Amino acid sequence: MNVKLTCYAILANVVFASSTAFALPTQVAFIDTPQCDPLFIPTNVEEIGDAAVFPPDESLLHADLGLANPVCLPTDNPTIPDALVSITNVTTKNFSDVWYVADRDTSITNFDGEANDIAFFPPGQEAFHIDRVGLHRPLLFESAGQNGIWEAGEEWRFVLQDYMHPALPPDAITSRGVGDASVDVAGFVASSGSIIAIVPEPAGAVLALLGLSAMGFVPRRQRS
């Protein structure tokens, strides 16, 4: 077999292994609705959830911090309390884009659109981008700086406006699966919502590519 092709095959395996090790990849579909801000979610995302349920490098810590103020005034119902939720990134990754997706029995009014697992179409669960951009700014606090990056070890605090659920607190980010794909895990309560994020580029793949280049396996341009 051609040596270069063999090395590229090895690199492909490294990239795949780096991106799937401890990963909980999922695919979602979304619909933008005229609610708060525009919504866009890429198809391929990563789900991050309760550290007792999710893999070690796909987990977060969460807490219900009590009441908050509304963040999307045109849709706010002043008779329903707004909830402040804390999530702490306990993975080794930095996430540049993070979304909240409600589960079936959860109701909020500060959503940008609807999202769901791609197997359930059309989307029907309320979702929003957790950020400080636009008119809808649900992200109130970043412990590692105001850069919109959910860094490893960083706590974020965001608002679920007019939060309602028949049984669960707003921070019940427990079961695996987004939207209608959310399933209960034995010994744990059901989930009220999911956190999804863009899968970071695997650092291992970059190092592998540099290694191949150093060994002379990456093709160079011919001299003129």
Protein backbone atom coordinates (compact mmCIF):
# COMPACT_ATOMS: atom_id res chain seq x y z
CA MET A 1 0.00 0.00 0.00
CA ASN A 2 1.17 3.55 -0.71
CA VAL A 3 2.93 4.92 2.40
CA LYS A 4 1.27 8.32 2.13
CA LEU A 5 -2.19 6.78 1.85
CA THR A 6 -1.47 4.61 4.87
CA CYS A 7 -0.46 7.64 6.93
CA TYR A 8 -3.57 9.57 5.86
CA ALA A 9 -5.70 6.62 6.92
CA ILE A 10 -3.99 6.70 10.32
CA LEU A 11 -4.65 10.43 10.56
CA ALA A 12 -8.33 9.93 9.72
CA ASN A 13 -8.59 7.38 12.50
CA VAL A 14 -6.93 9.79 14.93
CA VAL A 15 -9.35 12.56 13.98
CA PHE A 16 -12.34 10.25 14.42
CA ALA A 17 -11.09 8.88 17.73
CA SER A 18 -10.30 12.34 19.06
CA SER A 19 -13.73 13.68 18.20
CA THR A 20 -15.69 10.71 19.57
CA ALA A 21 -13.75 9.77 22.70
CA PHE A 22 -16.06 10.43 25.65
CA ALA A 23 -18.30 12.33 23.22
CA LEU A 24 -22.06 12.36 23.19
CA PRO A 25 -22.67 13.63 19.65
CA THR A 26 -26.22 14.18 18.47
CA GLN A 27 -28.03 15.67 15.50
CA VAL A 28 -30.76 18.26 15.82
CA ALA A 29 -33.19 20.10 13.58
CA PHE A 30 -34.46 23.61 14.26
CA ILE A 31 -37.09 26.11 13.17
CA ASP A 32 -36.64 29.86 13.55
CA THR A 33 -39.76 31.55 14.91
CA PRO A 34 -40.62 35.27 15.31
CA GLN A 35 -40.17 35.16 19.07
CA CYS A 36 -37.10 36.80 20.63
CA ASP A 37 -33.93 36.66 18.48
CA PRO A 38 -33.25 34.59 15.32
CA LEU A 39 -32.28 30.98 15.91
CA PHE A 40 -29.67 28.92 14.06
CA ILE A 41 -28.31 25.59 15.29
CA PRO A 42 -25.98 23.41 13.20
CA THR A 43 -27.09 19.82 12.65
CA ASN A 44 -24.14 18.21 14.40
CA VAL A 45 -23.82 19.23 18.03
CA GLU A 46 -22.70 17.79 21.33
CA GLU A 47 -24.91 17.30 24.37
CA ILE A 48 -23.53 18.18 27.81
CA GLY A 49 -25.39 17.21 30.96
CA ASP A 50 -25.43 16.11 34.59
CA ALA A 51 -22.04 14.84 35.73
CA ALA A 52 -23.64 11.80 37.37
CA VAL A 53 -25.21 10.66 34.08
CA PHE A 54 -23.05 11.92 31.21
CA PRO A 55 -19.53 10.76 30.23
CA PRO A 56 -16.64 12.44 32.11
CA ASP A 57 -15.74 14.86 29.33
CA GLU A 58 -19.34 15.67 28.41
CA SER A 59 -20.61 16.80 31.80
CA LEU A 60 -21.62 19.88 33.73
CA LEU A 61 -22.64 20.90 37.21
CA HIS A 62 -25.96 22.71 37.57
CA ALA A 63 -27.96 24.64 40.13
CA ASP A 64 -31.23 26.51 40.53
CA LEU A 65 -30.30 30.00 41.76
CA GLY A 66 -33.83 31.23 42.32
CA LEU A 67 -35.62 34.17 40.74
CA ALA A 68 -34.42 36.44 37.94
CA ASN A 69 -35.66 39.35 35.85
CA PRO A 70 -37.16 38.91 32.35
CA VAL A 71 -34.79 38.97 29.37
CA CYS A 72 -37.27 39.08 26.47
CA LEU A 73 -39.79 41.74 27.50
CA PRO A 74 -42.20 41.46 24.52
CA THR A 75 -43.05 37.88 25.48
CA ASP A 76 -42.78 38.11 29.27
CA ASN A 77 -45.75 37.18 31.46
CA PRO A 78 -45.29 39.23 34.64
CA THR A 79 -47.45 36.83 36.65
CA ILE A 80 -45.03 33.89 36.14
CA PRO A 81 -41.63 33.85 37.91
CA ASP A 82 -38.41 33.82 35.89
CA ALA A 83 -35.70 31.31 36.86
CA LEU A 84 -31.93 31.78 37.08
CA VAL A 85 -29.93 28.65 36.22
CA SER A 86 -26.22 27.98 36.80
CA ILE A 87 -24.19 25.60 34.63
CA THR A 88 -20.49 24.90 35.16
CA ASN A 89 -18.40 23.36 32.40
CA VAL A 90 -16.48 20.47 33.97
CA THR A 91 -15.15 19.14 30.66
CA THR A 92 -11.68 19.92 29.31
CA LYS A 93 -13.17 21.80 26.34
CA ASN A 94 -14.09 25.37 25.50
CA PHE A 95 -17.43 25.79 23.71
CA SER A 96 -17.98 28.80 21.45
CA ASP A 97 -21.74 28.36 21.00
CA VAL A 98 -24.18 26.94 23.54
CA TRP A 99 -27.97 26.44 23.33
CA TYR A 100 -30.73 25.48 25.75
CA VAL A 101 -33.48 23.16 24.46
CA ALA A 102 -36.58 22.52 26.58
CA ASP A 103 -37.97 19.05 27.13
CA ARG A 104 -41.57 18.18 26.27
CA ASP A 105 -43.19 19.20 29.58
CA THR A 106 -41.17 22.42 30.00
CA SER A 107 -42.55 25.82 29.05
CA ILE A 108 -40.57 29.08 28.69
CA THR A 109 -41.26 32.34 26.87
CA ASN A 110 -37.72 33.53 26.06
CA PHE A 111 -37.13 31.18 23.15
CA ASP A 112 -35.64 32.09 19.78
CA GLY A 113 -37.22 29.16 17.97
CA GLU A 114 -37.83 25.45 18.22
CA ALA A 115 -35.40 22.51 18.15
CA ASN A 116 -35.53 18.76 18.51
CA ASP A 117 -33.58 15.59 17.88
CA ILE A 118 -33.39 15.18 14.11
CA ALA A 119 -35.42 11.96 14.32
CA PHE A 120 -38.42 13.95 15.56
CA PHE A 121 -39.63 16.32 12.86
CA PRO A 122 -40.86 18.96 12.83
CA PRO A 123 -39.09 20.50 15.82
CA GLY A 124 -41.42 21.36 18.65
CA GLN A 125 -39.35 22.17 21.73
CA GLU A 126 -38.50 25.73 22.77
CA ALA A 127 -34.83 26.65 22.30
CA PHE A 128 -32.50 29.63 22.47
CA HIS A 129 -28.85 30.60 22.08
CA ILE A 130 -27.28 31.33 25.48
CA ASP A 131 -25.55 34.64 24.77
CA ARG A 132 -25.43 38.41 25.26
CA VAL A 133 -26.10 39.33 21.62
CA GLY A 134 -29.22 40.95 20.16
CA LEU A 135 -32.39 41.97 21.97
CA HIS A 136 -32.65 38.67 23.85
CA ARG A 137 -29.71 38.35 26.25
CA PRO A 138 -30.31 35.40 28.57
CA LEU A 139 -26.66 35.04 29.62
CA LEU A 140 -26.18 37.15 32.75
CA PHE A 141 -22.88 35.91 34.17
CA GLU A 142 -19.61 34.39 32.97
CA SER A 143 -17.07 33.56 35.66
CA ALA A 144 -14.03 33.54 33.36
CA GLY A 145 -14.65 36.77 31.43
CA GLN A 146 -17.26 38.38 29.20
CA ASN A 147 -16.21 36.71 25.95
CA GLY A 148 -19.15 34.41 25.18
CA ILE A 149 -16.91 31.34 25.38
CA TRP A 150 -18.03 28.64 27.83
CA GLU A 151 -14.55 27.72 28.94
CA ALA A 152 -13.42 24.61 30.79
CA GLY A 153 -14.17 25.12 34.48
CA GLU A 154 -16.31 28.21 33.87
CA GLU A 155 -19.71 28.90 35.40
CA TRP A 156 -22.48 30.50 33.36
CA ARG A 157 -25.78 31.85 34.66
CA PHE A 158 -28.75 32.29 32.36
CA VAL A 159 -32.48 32.98 32.54
CA LEU A 160 -35.43 30.73 31.79
CA GLN A 161 -38.22 33.29 31.48
CA ASP A 162 -41.68 32.28 32.76
CA TYR A 163 -40.36 28.79 33.53
CA MET A 164 -43.03 26.18 34.12
CA HIS A 165 -42.82 22.42 34.60
CA PRO A 166 -45.29 20.18 36.45
CA ALA A 167 -42.65 18.53 38.63
CA LEU A 168 -39.04 19.52 37.95
CA PRO A 169 -36.79 22.48 38.84
CA PRO A 170 -35.34 24.62 36.02
CA ASP A 171 -31.84 23.14 36.37
CA ALA A 172 -32.87 19.49 35.81
CA ILE A 173 -30.43 18.95 32.92
CA THR A 174 -30.24 15.26 33.64
CA SER A 175 -31.24 12.76 30.98
CA ARG A 176 -29.54 12.04 27.69
CA GLY A 177 -31.25 12.99 24.46
CA VAL A 178 -32.48 16.34 23.15
CA GLY A 179 -36.14 17.29 23.10
CA ASP A 180 -38.41 14.35 22.40
CA ALA A 181 -35.37 12.03 22.40
CA SER A 182 -34.73 12.77 26.07
CA VAL A 183 -34.94 9.58 28.08
CA ASP A 184 -34.99 8.94 31.81
CA VAL A 185 -32.03 7.24 33.43
CA ALA A 186 -32.68 4.66 36.13
CA GLY A 187 -32.18 6.18 39.56
CA PHE A 188 -32.41 9.78 38.37
CA VAL A 189 -35.29 12.18 37.89
CA ALA A 190 -36.46 13.08 34.41
CA SER A 191 -35.00 16.07 32.62
CA SER A 192 -36.53 19.50 32.08
CA GLY A 193 -34.11 20.58 29.36
CA SER A 194 -30.84 19.98 27.52
CA ILE A 195 -27.63 21.88 26.92
CA ILE A 196 -26.10 21.44 23.46
CA ALA A 197 -22.97 23.01 22.01
CA ILE A 198 -20.76 23.02 18.95
CA VAL A 199 -18.23 20.19 19.07
CA PRO A 200 -14.74 21.70 19.41
CA GLU A 201 -12.03 20.83 16.90
CA PRO A 202 -9.95 17.94 18.29
CA ALA A 203 -6.49 19.14 19.24
CA GLY A 204 -5.10 15.65 18.71
CA ALA A 205 -5.86 15.80 15.00
CA VAL A 206 -3.83 18.97 14.59
CA LEU A 207 -0.87 17.45 16.42
CA ALA A 208 -1.12 14.31 14.28
CA LEU A 209 -1.10 16.37 11.11
CA LEU A 210 1.98 18.29 12.29
CA GLY A 211 3.67 14.98 13.05
CA LEU A 212 3.03 13.65 9.56
CA SER A 213 4.33 16.87 8.08
CA ALA A 214 7.52 16.57 10.11
CA MET A 215 8.04 13.03 8.81
CA GLY A 216 7.65 14.21 5.24
CA PHE A 217 4.37 12.42 4.51
CA VAL A 218 2.38 15.54 3.73
CA PRO A 219 2.75 16.35 0.01
CA ARG A 220 4.72 19.47 -0.80
CA ARG A 221 4.28 21.63 -3.84
CA GLN A 222 6.70 20.87 -6.63
CA ARG A 223 9.32 23.46 -7.34
CA SER A 224 8.84 25.39 -10.51
